[in-house]
Amino acid sequence: MRILIIKLGATGDVVRTTPLLRVLSGEIHWITSDTNQVMLKGISGVERLIPWREAEGVKGTEYDLVINLEDSLEAAQLLSYIKYKELFGAYLDKSGALTYTESSRKWFDLSLISRYGKKKADELKLKNRRTYQELIFDGLGFQFKGETYLLPSPSETELKGDIAIAENSGKVWPMKRWAYYKELKEKLEGRGYVVNYLPMRNTLLEHIGDVQGHKYLVSGDTLPMHIALGSGIKCLTIFLCTSPWEIYDYGLQKKIVSPLLEEYFYKRDYDKRAVTAIGLEEVYQNIIEQMR
C-alpha cells in the first residue's frame, strides 16, 4: 500500500501522531509543516517526507489511503489534486464546505470543524475519556496498545540536571502557563535538586536534547511533555484549560488537573484565576513522591 499522512502541526500533535507508523504497513509519505520536518526526518516508517511548501509535488500521485488530520481549508483543497482509494479525515464536500469522513468522526466531532458546532464539540471534548491515539487508531481499524512515539536523534546540549521546568506555553494558550513555577524551582532546589528552566533554542533537536538531559519534567500540556513521554522520562503535567484525557501517559506521567477545568476548558484568553487554581504545595508533593 501507498499511504499519505497529512499532519502539519502543532509540533506536539505531530509527535503524538507518530505511533501510527508502528501499525501502518506500506510506503508511507508524510506532509508536514516546514518547521516540523526535523521531527520526522530519518525516523523509521516515513519513506518520503514532504514539506508543506512543496505539497503540490504530490499532485497526480495515487494513494491507497490518505489520512488527513488537519482541519484547515488549505489541506482539504490539496486532496482535490490527489488520486486515492480511501480517505480518513477532513475533505471538501460537493458544496465546497469543510467536513470529514464517517470513519474519522470520533476525533473530528470534537474539533473546530465538528458537524455539531464548536460549543457542542467542546462539550463532547470535555466528556471524552479516550486518548488521541485511541480515537485515531480506532477510526482506522486498529486497536491502540500503547505504541510509543518516534523521535529524531537529539542535538547534544550542555543543559543537564535532575528536573527540567517548561514554563512557557506560547501565545495561543496563555492559560496553560501555571503561576508558581518560580516558587516551585526554589523549593525543589532547597531540597537539593538541580533544576533548570528549558530555554528557547534555535532548533527543535536542541530542545529535545535539553529535555533528555534531565530525569524529570514539569510542564503544562505542551511540546516538552510529548518529548518527555517519547523519551521515557517521568513527568508531571499541569492541565489548566485543555483535556488531560486525550493524553496517553505511557506509565510515566502524573496529571494534576485544575478544579476549574470545566470553566476554562479550551479558552484561549487569560485569567489569573485559572493559572492559580492549582496550588504550589500540591504540585511539589506530587513531584517528590514521583521522584522517589
C-alpha atoms as a PDB file:
ATOM      1  CA  MET A   1       0.000   0.000   0.000  1.00  0.00           C
ATOM      2  CA  ARG A   2       0.986   3.614  -0.545  1.00  0.00           C
ATOM      3  CA  ILE A   3      -0.239   5.834   2.290  1.00  0.00           C
ATOM      4  CA  LEU A   4      -0.208   9.621   2.692  1.00  0.00           C
ATOM      5  CA  ILE A   5      -0.422  11.269   6.120  1.00  0.00           C
ATOM      6  CA  ILE A   6      -1.202  14.984   6.262  1.00  0.00           C
ATOM      7  CA  LYS A   7      -0.339  16.356   9.687  1.00  0.00           C
ATOM      8  CA  LEU A   8       1.295  19.774   9.684  1.00  0.00           C
ATOM      9  CA  GLY A   9       1.304  20.980  13.298  1.00  0.00           C
ATOM     10  CA  ALA A  10       1.418  21.842  16.080  1.00  0.00           C
ATOM     11  CA  THR A  11       4.713  20.084  16.793  1.00  0.00           C
ATOM     12  CA  GLY A  12       3.338  18.181  19.785  1.00  0.00           C
ATOM     13  CA  ASP A  13       0.416  16.990  17.676  1.00  0.00           C
ATOM     14  CA  VAL A  14       2.819  15.734  15.017  1.00  0.00           C
ATOM     15  CA  VAL A  15       4.766  13.817  17.677  1.00  0.00           C
ATOM     16  CA  ARG A  16       1.665  12.169  19.110  1.00  0.00           C
ATOM     17  CA  THR A  17       0.651  11.056  15.617  1.00  0.00           C
ATOM     18  CA  THR A  18       3.896   9.091  15.085  1.00  0.00           C
ATOM     19  CA  PRO A  19       2.615   5.905  16.829  1.00  0.00           C
ATOM     20  CA  LEU A  20       0.621   5.322  13.623  1.00  0.00           C
ATOM     21  CA  LEU A  21       3.927   4.495  11.946  1.00  0.00           C
ATOM     22  CA  ARG A  22       4.176   1.415  14.172  1.00  0.00           C
ATOM     23  CA  VAL A  23       0.952  -0.106  12.823  1.00  0.00           C
ATOM     24  CA  LEU A  24       0.652   1.141   9.244  1.00  0.00           C
ATOM     25  CA  SER A  25       2.388  -1.003   6.660  1.00  0.00           C
ATOM     26  CA  GLY A  26       3.425   0.062   3.196  1.00  0.00           C
ATOM     27  CA  GLU A  27       5.109   3.035   1.564  1.00  0.00           C
ATOM     28  CA  ILE A  28       4.292   5.986   3.805  1.00  0.00           C
ATOM     29  CA  HIS A  29       4.534   9.615   2.683  1.00  0.00           C
ATOM     30  CA  TRP A  30       4.004  12.447   5.191  1.00  0.00           C
ATOM     31  CA  ILE A  31       3.207  16.098   4.504  1.00  0.00           C
ATOM     32  CA  THR A  32       4.110  18.341   7.421  1.00  0.00           C
ATOM     33  CA  SER A  33       4.919  21.985   8.068  1.00  0.00           C
ATOM     34  CA  ASP A  34       8.330  23.267   7.069  1.00  0.00           C
ATOM     35  CA  THR A  35       9.183  23.716  10.772  1.00  0.00           C
ATOM     36  CA  ASN A  36       8.243  20.166  11.720  1.00  0.00           C
ATOM     37  CA  GLN A  37      10.258  18.417   9.029  1.00  0.00           C
ATOM     38  CA  VAL A  38      13.082  17.969  11.519  1.00  0.00           C
ATOM     39  CA  MET A  39      10.798  15.968  13.844  1.00  0.00           C
ATOM     40  CA  LEU A  40      10.115  13.371  11.133  1.00  0.00           C
ATOM     41  CA  LYS A  41      13.317  13.362   9.119  1.00  0.00           C
ATOM     42  CA  GLY A  42      15.011   9.977   9.251  1.00  0.00           C
ATOM     43  CA  ILE A  43      12.558   8.313  11.642  1.00  0.00           C
ATOM     44  CA  SER A  44      11.533   4.761  10.886  1.00  0.00           C
ATOM     45  CA  GLY A  45       8.493   4.320   8.679  1.00  0.00           C
ATOM     46  CA  VAL A  46       8.477   7.556   6.682  1.00  0.00           C
ATOM     47  CA  GLU A  47       9.724   6.844   3.172  1.00  0.00           C
ATOM     48  CA  ARG A  48       9.003  10.278   1.744  1.00  0.00           C
ATOM     49  CA  LEU A  49       8.836  13.457   3.816  1.00  0.00           C
ATOM     50  CA  ILE A  50       7.197  16.407   2.087  1.00  0.00           C
ATOM     51  CA  PRO A  51       7.322  19.979   3.466  1.00  0.00           C
ATOM     52  CA  TRP A  52       4.107  21.962   3.087  1.00  0.00           C
ATOM     53  CA  ARG A  53       5.766  24.429   0.737  1.00  0.00           C
ATOM     54  CA  GLU A  54       6.285  21.526  -1.695  1.00  0.00           C
ATOM     55  CA  ALA A  55       2.939  19.804  -1.079  1.00  0.00           C
ATOM     56  CA  GLU A  56       1.797  20.317  -4.660  1.00  0.00           C
ATOM     57  CA  GLY A  57       4.511  17.840  -5.585  1.00  0.00           C
ATOM     58  CA  VAL A  58       2.112  15.011  -4.714  1.00  0.00           C
ATOM     59  CA  LYS A  59      -0.332  16.066  -7.436  1.00  0.00           C
ATOM     60  CA  GLY A  60      -1.139  13.115  -9.606  1.00  0.00           C
ATOM     61  CA  THR A  61       0.324  10.603  -7.151  1.00  0.00           C
ATOM     62  CA  GLU A  62      -2.042   7.730  -6.445  1.00  0.00           C
ATOM     63  CA  TYR A  63      -2.524   6.549  -2.872  1.00  0.00           C
ATOM     64  CA  ASP A  64      -4.361   3.588  -1.424  1.00  0.00           C
ATOM     65  CA  LEU A  65      -5.086   5.565   1.747  1.00  0.00           C
ATOM     66  CA  VAL A  66      -4.915   9.253   2.642  1.00  0.00           C
ATOM     67  CA  ILE A  67      -5.052  10.224   6.333  1.00  0.00           C
ATOM     68  CA  ASN A  68      -5.771  13.960   6.609  1.00  0.00           C
ATOM     69  CA  LEU A  69      -5.637  15.013  10.251  1.00  0.00           C
ATOM     70  CA  GLU A  70      -5.724  18.745   9.511  1.00  0.00           C
ATOM     71  CA  ASP A  71      -8.934  20.747   9.882  1.00  0.00           C
ATOM     72  CA  SER A  72      -7.824  23.513   7.508  1.00  0.00           C
ATOM     73  CA  LEU A  73      -9.315  24.512   4.178  1.00  0.00           C
ATOM     74  CA  GLU A  74      -5.871  24.506   2.516  1.00  0.00           C
ATOM     75  CA  ALA A  75      -5.119  20.901   3.447  1.00  0.00           C
ATOM     76  CA  ALA A  76      -8.557  19.763   2.297  1.00  0.00           C
ATOM     77  CA  GLN A  77      -8.144  21.597  -1.021  1.00  0.00           C
ATOM     78  CA  LEU A  78      -4.946  19.645  -1.668  1.00  0.00           C
ATOM     79  CA  LEU A  79      -6.979  16.432  -1.760  1.00  0.00           C
ATOM     80  CA  SER A  80      -8.678  17.519  -4.983  1.00  0.00           C
ATOM     81  CA  TYR A  81      -5.313  17.099  -6.738  1.00  0.00           C
ATOM     82  CA  ILE A  82      -4.580  13.651  -5.313  1.00  0.00           C
ATOM     83  CA  LYS A  83      -5.814  10.288  -6.502  1.00  0.00           C
ATOM     84  CA  TYR A  84      -6.758   7.950  -3.669  1.00  0.00           C
ATOM     85  CA  LYS A  85      -8.874   4.872  -2.995  1.00  0.00           C
ATOM     86  CA  GLU A  86      -9.729   5.567   0.626  1.00  0.00           C
ATOM     87  CA  LEU A  87      -9.805   8.691   2.778  1.00  0.00           C
ATOM     88  CA  PHE A  88      -9.727   9.146   6.549  1.00  0.00           C
ATOM     89  CA  GLY A  89     -10.231  12.667   7.830  1.00  0.00           C
ATOM     90  CA  ALA A  90     -11.176  16.110   6.568  1.00  0.00           C
ATOM     91  CA  TYR A  91     -12.157  16.999   2.999  1.00  0.00           C
ATOM     92  CA  LEU A  92     -14.335  19.391   0.997  1.00  0.00           C
ATOM     93  CA  ASP A  93     -17.848  18.233   0.165  1.00  0.00           C
ATOM     94  CA  LYS A  94     -19.570  18.947  -3.166  1.00  0.00           C
ATOM     95  CA  SER A  95     -20.616  22.394  -1.978  1.00  0.00           C
ATOM     96  CA  GLY A  96     -17.039  23.268  -1.000  1.00  0.00           C
ATOM     97  CA  ALA A  97     -17.691  23.062   2.743  1.00  0.00           C
ATOM     98  CA  LEU A  98     -15.128  21.542   5.076  1.00  0.00           C
ATOM     99  CA  THR A  99     -16.317  18.218   6.508  1.00  0.00           C
ATOM    100  CA  TYR A 100     -14.866  14.801   7.417  1.00  0.00           C
ATOM    101  CA  THR A 101     -15.338  11.107   6.780  1.00  0.00           C
ATOM    102  CA  GLU A 102     -17.569   8.939   8.918  1.00  0.00           C
ATOM    103  CA  SER A 103     -14.545   6.834   9.852  1.00  0.00           C
ATOM    104  CA  SER A 104     -12.861   9.871  11.423  1.00  0.00           C
ATOM    105  CA  ARG A 105     -15.842  11.362  13.242  1.00  0.00           C
ATOM    106  CA  LYS A 106     -14.780  10.093  16.689  1.00  0.00           C
ATOM    107  CA  TRP A 107     -11.947  12.623  16.508  1.00  0.00           C
ATOM    108  CA  PHE A 108     -13.348  15.374  14.303  1.00  0.00           C
ATOM    109  CA  ASP A 109     -16.670  15.523  16.177  1.00  0.00           C
ATOM    110  CA  LEU A 110     -14.531  17.067  18.939  1.00  0.00           C
ATOM    111  CA  SER A 111     -12.755  19.516  16.626  1.00  0.00           C
ATOM    112  CA  LEU A 112     -13.173  23.047  15.322  1.00  0.00           C
ATOM    113  CA  ILE A 113     -14.911  21.673  12.210  1.00  0.00           C
ATOM    114  CA  SER A 114     -17.308  19.461  14.185  1.00  0.00           C
ATOM    115  CA  ARG A 115     -20.661  18.926  12.489  1.00  0.00           C
ATOM    116  CA  TYR A 116     -22.185  19.915  15.829  1.00  0.00           C
ATOM    117  CA  GLY A 117     -20.506  23.335  16.010  1.00  0.00           C
ATOM    118  CA  LYS A 118     -17.744  24.486  18.348  1.00  0.00           C
ATOM    119  CA  LYS A 119     -19.857  24.806  21.515  1.00  0.00           C
ATOM    120  CA  LYS A 120     -21.163  21.256  21.312  1.00  0.00           C
ATOM    121  CA  ALA A 121     -17.742  19.985  20.204  1.00  0.00           C
ATOM    122  CA  ASP A 122     -16.154  21.436  23.340  1.00  0.00           C
ATOM    123  CA  GLU A 123     -18.862  19.789  25.454  1.00  0.00           C
ATOM    124  CA  LEU A 124     -18.123  16.446  23.804  1.00  0.00           C
ATOM    125  CA  LYS A 125     -14.390  17.019  24.268  1.00  0.00           C
ATOM    126  CA  LEU A 126     -14.903  17.667  27.973  1.00  0.00           C
ATOM    127  CA  LYS A 127     -16.842  14.412  28.329  1.00  0.00           C
ATOM    128  CA  ASN A 128     -14.410  12.370  26.220  1.00  0.00           C
ATOM    129  CA  ARG A 129     -12.234   9.903  28.133  1.00  0.00           C
ATOM    130  CA  ARG A 130     -10.358   8.332  25.205  1.00  0.00           C
ATOM    131  CA  THR A 131      -6.847   9.343  24.203  1.00  0.00           C
ATOM    132  CA  TYR A 132      -5.977  10.899  20.861  1.00  0.00           C
ATOM    133  CA  GLN A 133      -4.256   7.681  19.828  1.00  0.00           C
ATOM    134  CA  GLU A 134      -7.269   5.551  20.740  1.00  0.00           C
ATOM    135  CA  LEU A 135      -9.623   7.753  18.718  1.00  0.00           C
ATOM    136  CA  ILE A 136      -7.401   7.797  15.608  1.00  0.00           C
ATOM    137  CA  PHE A 137      -6.388   4.141  15.770  1.00  0.00           C
ATOM    138  CA  ASP A 138      -9.994   3.034  16.246  1.00  0.00           C
ATOM    139  CA  GLY A 139     -11.182   5.033  13.251  1.00  0.00           C
ATOM    140  CA  LEU A 140      -8.511   3.414  11.092  1.00  0.00           C
ATOM    141  CA  GLY A 141      -9.432  -0.091  12.253  1.00  0.00           C
ATOM    142  CA  PHE A 142      -6.586  -0.621  14.728  1.00  0.00           C
ATOM    143  CA  GLN A 143      -6.527  -1.172  18.475  1.00  0.00           C
ATOM    144  CA  PHE A 144      -4.162   1.141  20.307  1.00  0.00           C
ATOM    145  CA  LYS A 145      -1.888  -0.959  22.528  1.00  0.00           C
ATOM    146  CA  GLY A 146       0.425   1.682  23.899  1.00  0.00           C
ATOM    147  CA  GLU A 147       2.507   2.116  20.745  1.00  0.00           C
ATOM    148  CA  THR A 148       5.176   4.687  21.578  1.00  0.00           C
ATOM    149  CA  TYR A 149       6.182   7.928  19.896  1.00  0.00           C
ATOM    150  CA  LEU A 150       9.047   8.115  17.441  1.00  0.00           C
ATOM    151  CA  LEU A 151      11.513  10.967  17.924  1.00  0.00           C
ATOM    152  CA  PRO A 152      14.560  12.061  15.907  1.00  0.00           C
ATOM    153  CA  SER A 153      18.055  11.885  17.390  1.00  0.00           C
ATOM    154  CA  PRO A 154      18.626  14.982  19.546  1.00  0.00           C
ATOM    155  CA  SER A 155      21.403  17.524  19.420  1.00  0.00           C
ATOM    156  CA  GLU A 156      23.602  17.287  22.489  1.00  0.00           C
ATOM    157  CA  THR A 157      23.358  20.343  24.748  1.00  0.00           C
ATOM    158  CA  GLU A 158      25.139  21.486  27.892  1.00  0.00           C
ATOM    159  CA  LEU A 159      21.910  21.731  29.903  1.00  0.00           C
ATOM    160  CA  LYS A 160      21.862  18.884  32.430  1.00  0.00           C
ATOM    161  CA  GLY A 161      20.114  18.361  35.733  1.00  0.00           C
ATOM    162  CA  ASP A 162      17.565  16.469  37.791  1.00  0.00           C
ATOM    163  CA  ILE A 163      14.395  18.356  36.909  1.00  0.00           C
ATOM    164  CA  ALA A 164      13.526  20.457  33.867  1.00  0.00           C
ATOM    165  CA  ILE A 165      10.759  23.046  34.005  1.00  0.00           C
ATOM    166  CA  ALA A 166       8.981  24.145  30.823  1.00  0.00           C
ATOM    167  CA  GLU A 167       7.259  27.324  31.938  1.00  0.00           C
ATOM    168  CA  ASN A 168       6.387  28.780  28.534  1.00  0.00           C
ATOM    169  CA  SER A 169       3.143  27.930  26.767  1.00  0.00           C
ATOM    170  CA  GLY A 170       3.146  30.146  23.672  1.00  0.00           C
ATOM    171  CA  LYS A 171       0.802  32.944  22.642  1.00  0.00           C
ATOM    172  CA  VAL A 172      -2.118  30.734  21.591  1.00  0.00           C
ATOM    173  CA  TRP A 173      -2.681  29.208  25.045  1.00  0.00           C
ATOM    174  CA  PRO A 174      -1.666  31.785  27.705  1.00  0.00           C
ATOM    175  CA  MET A 175      -3.690  29.947  30.373  1.00  0.00           C
ATOM    176  CA  LYS A 176      -1.515  26.842  30.030  1.00  0.00           C
ATOM    177  CA  ARG A 177       1.195  28.682  31.993  1.00  0.00           C
ATOM    178  CA  TRP A 178       0.875  27.855  35.676  1.00  0.00           C
ATOM    179  CA  ALA A 179       1.575  30.755  38.055  1.00  0.00           C
ATOM    180  CA  TYR A 180       4.030  29.194  40.515  1.00  0.00           C
ATOM    181  CA  TYR A 181       6.979  27.801  38.544  1.00  0.00           C
ATOM    182  CA  LYS A 182       9.442  30.252  40.156  1.00  0.00           C
ATOM    183  CA  GLU A 183       8.409  29.247  43.670  1.00  0.00           C
ATOM    184  CA  LEU A 184       8.468  25.575  42.711  1.00  0.00           C
ATOM    185  CA  LYS A 185      12.028  25.845  41.369  1.00  0.00           C
ATOM    186  CA  GLU A 186      13.222  27.482  44.598  1.00  0.00           C
ATOM    187  CA  LYS A 187      11.505  24.842  46.732  1.00  0.00           C
ATOM    188  CA  LEU A 188      12.974  21.928  44.743  1.00  0.00           C
ATOM    189  CA  GLU A 189      16.447  23.465  44.771  1.00  0.00           C
ATOM    190  CA  GLY A 190      16.131  23.836  48.537  1.00  0.00           C
ATOM    191  CA  ARG A 191      15.743  20.074  48.668  1.00  0.00           C
ATOM    192  CA  GLY A 192      18.980  19.605  46.727  1.00  0.00           C
ATOM    193  CA  TYR A 193      17.722  19.002  43.191  1.00  0.00           C
ATOM    194  CA  VAL A 194      19.405  20.569  40.160  1.00  0.00           C
ATOM    195  CA  VAL A 195      16.526  22.372  38.450  1.00  0.00           C
ATOM    196  CA  ASN A 196      16.676  24.130  35.079  1.00  0.00           C
ATOM    197  CA  TYR A 197      14.220  26.133  33.037  1.00  0.00           C
ATOM    198  CA  LEU A 198      14.129  24.961  29.424  1.00  0.00           C
ATOM    199  CA  PRO A 199      15.482  27.848  27.314  1.00  0.00           C
ATOM    200  CA  MET A 200      14.426  28.935  23.859  1.00  0.00           C
ATOM    201  CA  ARG A 201      16.584  27.167  21.261  1.00  0.00           C
ATOM    202  CA  ASN A 202      17.417  27.700  17.611  1.00  0.00           C
ATOM    203  CA  THR A 203      16.396  24.137  16.702  1.00  0.00           C
ATOM    204  CA  LEU A 204      13.882  21.549  17.879  1.00  0.00           C
ATOM    205  CA  LEU A 205      16.688  18.976  18.082  1.00  0.00           C
ATOM    206  CA  GLU A 206      18.403  21.098  20.740  1.00  0.00           C
ATOM    207  CA  HIS A 207      15.096  21.324  22.584  1.00  0.00           C
ATOM    208  CA  ILE A 208      14.850  17.529  22.611  1.00  0.00           C
ATOM    209  CA  GLY A 209      18.423  17.360  23.884  1.00  0.00           C
ATOM    210  CA  ASP A 210      17.570  19.714  26.756  1.00  0.00           C
ATOM    211  CA  VAL A 211      14.614  17.591  27.876  1.00  0.00           C
ATOM    212  CA  GLN A 212      16.616  14.370  27.595  1.00  0.00           C
ATOM    213  CA  GLY A 213      19.378  15.914  29.708  1.00  0.00           C
ATOM    214  CA  HIS A 214      17.109  15.593  32.759  1.00  0.00           C
ATOM    215  CA  LYS A 215      15.485  12.829  34.794  1.00  0.00           C
ATOM    216  CA  TYR A 216      12.137  14.553  35.183  1.00  0.00           C
ATOM    217  CA  LEU A 217       9.996  17.259  33.566  1.00  0.00           C
ATOM    218  CA  VAL A 218       7.399  19.653  34.976  1.00  0.00           C
ATOM    219  CA  SER A 219       5.239  21.450  32.430  1.00  0.00           C
ATOM    220  CA  GLY A 220       1.831  22.228  31.105  1.00  0.00           C
ATOM    221  CA  ASP A 221       0.219  20.439  28.167  1.00  0.00           C
ATOM    222  CA  THR A 222       2.987  21.470  25.746  1.00  0.00           C
ATOM    223  CA  LEU A 223       5.624  20.064  23.377  1.00  0.00           C
ATOM    224  CA  PRO A 224       8.181  19.286  26.132  1.00  0.00           C
ATOM    225  CA  MET A 225       5.569  16.985  27.711  1.00  0.00           C
ATOM    226  CA  HIS A 226       5.372  14.982  24.483  1.00  0.00           C
ATOM    227  CA  ILE A 227       9.164  14.876  24.214  1.00  0.00           C
ATOM    228  CA  ALA A 228       9.401  13.510  27.759  1.00  0.00           C
ATOM    229  CA  LEU A 229       6.738  10.875  27.057  1.00  0.00           C
ATOM    230  CA  GLY A 230       8.571   9.882  23.888  1.00  0.00           C
ATOM    231  CA  SER A 231      11.912   9.724  25.712  1.00  0.00           C
ATOM    232  CA  GLY A 232      10.860   7.524  28.619  1.00  0.00           C
ATOM    233  CA  ILE A 233      11.219  10.414  31.090  1.00  0.00           C
ATOM    234  CA  LYS A 234       8.857  10.764  34.030  1.00  0.00           C
ATOM    235  CA  CYS A 235       6.875  13.972  34.088  1.00  0.00           C
ATOM    236  CA  LEU A 236       4.246  15.949  35.934  1.00  0.00           C
ATOM    237  CA  THR A 237       1.807  17.819  33.733  1.00  0.00           C
ATOM    238  CA  ILE A 238      -0.462  20.629  34.888  1.00  0.00           C
ATOM    239  CA  PHE A 239      -3.765  20.813  32.999  1.00  0.00           C
ATOM    240  CA  LEU A 240      -5.461  24.180  33.353  1.00  0.00           C
ATOM    241  CA  CYS A 241      -7.589  24.552  30.211  1.00  0.00           C
ATOM    242  CA  THR A 242      -7.073  21.527  27.922  1.00  0.00           C
ATOM    243  CA  SER A 243      -8.073  17.874  28.064  1.00  0.00           C
ATOM    244  CA  PRO A 244      -5.968  15.617  30.301  1.00  0.00           C
ATOM    245  CA  TRP A 245      -7.818  12.569  28.995  1.00  0.00           C
ATOM    246  CA  GLU A 246      -6.582  12.884  25.414  1.00  0.00           C
ATOM    247  CA  ILE A 247      -3.006  12.353  26.596  1.00  0.00           C
ATOM    248  CA  TYR A 248      -1.818   8.760  26.976  1.00  0.00           C
ATOM    249  CA  ASP A 249       0.546   8.651  29.965  1.00  0.00           C
ATOM    250  CA  TYR A 250       2.717   5.641  28.980  1.00  0.00           C
ATOM    251  CA  GLY A 251       3.102   4.901  32.700  1.00  0.00           C
ATOM    252  CA  LEU A 252       5.361   7.955  33.021  1.00  0.00           C
ATOM    253  CA  GLN A 253       3.050  10.873  33.688  1.00  0.00           C
ATOM    254  CA  LYS A 254       1.383  12.321  36.752  1.00  0.00           C
ATOM    255  CA  LYS A 255      -1.518  14.585  35.804  1.00  0.00           C
ATOM    256  CA  ILE A 256      -2.602  17.473  38.029  1.00  0.00           C
ATOM    257  CA  VAL A 257      -5.968  18.736  36.800  1.00  0.00           C
ATOM    258  CA  SER A 258      -7.389  22.139  37.686  1.00  0.00           C
ATOM    259  CA  PRO A 259     -10.571  22.140  39.775  1.00  0.00           C
ATOM    260  CA  LEU A 260     -11.714  24.928  37.414  1.00  0.00           C
ATOM    261  CA  LEU A 261     -11.003  22.974  34.228  1.00  0.00           C
ATOM    262  CA  GLU A 262     -14.613  22.940  33.051  1.00  0.00           C
ATOM    263  CA  GLU A 263     -14.936  26.721  33.491  1.00  0.00           C
ATOM    264  CA  TYR A 264     -11.843  27.462  31.389  1.00  0.00           C
ATOM    265  CA  PHE A 265     -11.945  24.465  29.061  1.00  0.00           C
ATOM    266  CA  TYR A 266     -10.330  25.294  25.690  1.00  0.00           C
ATOM    267  CA  LYS A 267     -10.499  29.030  26.270  1.00  0.00           C
ATOM    268  CA  ARG A 268      -7.624  30.922  24.697  1.00  0.00           C
ATOM    269  CA  ASP A 269      -7.713  34.165  26.633  1.00  0.00           C
ATOM    270  CA  TYR A 270      -6.056  34.780  30.026  1.00  0.00           C
ATOM    271  CA  ASP A 271      -7.492  34.785  33.526  1.00  0.00           C
ATOM    272  CA  LYS A 272      -5.272  34.821  36.618  1.00  0.00           C
ATOM    273  CA  ARG A 273      -7.869  32.783  38.465  1.00  0.00           C
ATOM    274  CA  ALA A 274      -7.267  29.893  36.065  1.00  0.00           C
ATOM    275  CA  VAL A 275      -3.471  29.818  36.359  1.00  0.00           C
ATOM    276  CA  THR A 276      -3.572  29.987  40.171  1.00  0.00           C
ATOM    277  CA  ALA A 277      -6.253  27.318  40.647  1.00  0.00           C
ATOM    278  CA  ILE A 278      -3.660  24.631  41.450  1.00  0.00           C
ATOM    279  CA  GLY A 279      -1.509  25.386  44.491  1.00  0.00           C
ATOM    280  CA  LEU A 280       2.262  25.139  44.854  1.00  0.00           C
ATOM    281  CA  GLU A 281       2.228  22.521  47.597  1.00  0.00           C
ATOM    282  CA  GLU A 282       0.095  20.056  45.634  1.00  0.00           C
ATOM    283  CA  VAL A 283       2.487  20.120  42.701  1.00  0.00           C
ATOM    284  CA  TYR A 284       5.581  19.979  44.907  1.00  0.00           C
ATOM    285  CA  GLN A 285       4.400  16.990  46.937  1.00  0.00           C
ATOM    286  CA  ASN A 286       3.449  15.046  43.838  1.00  0.00           C
ATOM    287  CA  ILE A 287       6.873  15.649  42.301  1.00  0.00           C
ATOM    288  CA  ILE A 288       8.667  14.478  45.446  1.00  0.00           C
ATOM    289  CA  GLU A 289       6.512  11.342  45.589  1.00  0.00           C
ATOM    290  CA  GLN A 290       7.099  10.515  41.946  1.00  0.00           C
ATOM    291  CA  MET A 291      10.844  11.248  42.113  1.00  0.00           C
ATOM    292  CA  ARG A 292      11.148   8.646  44.870  1.00  0.00           C
END
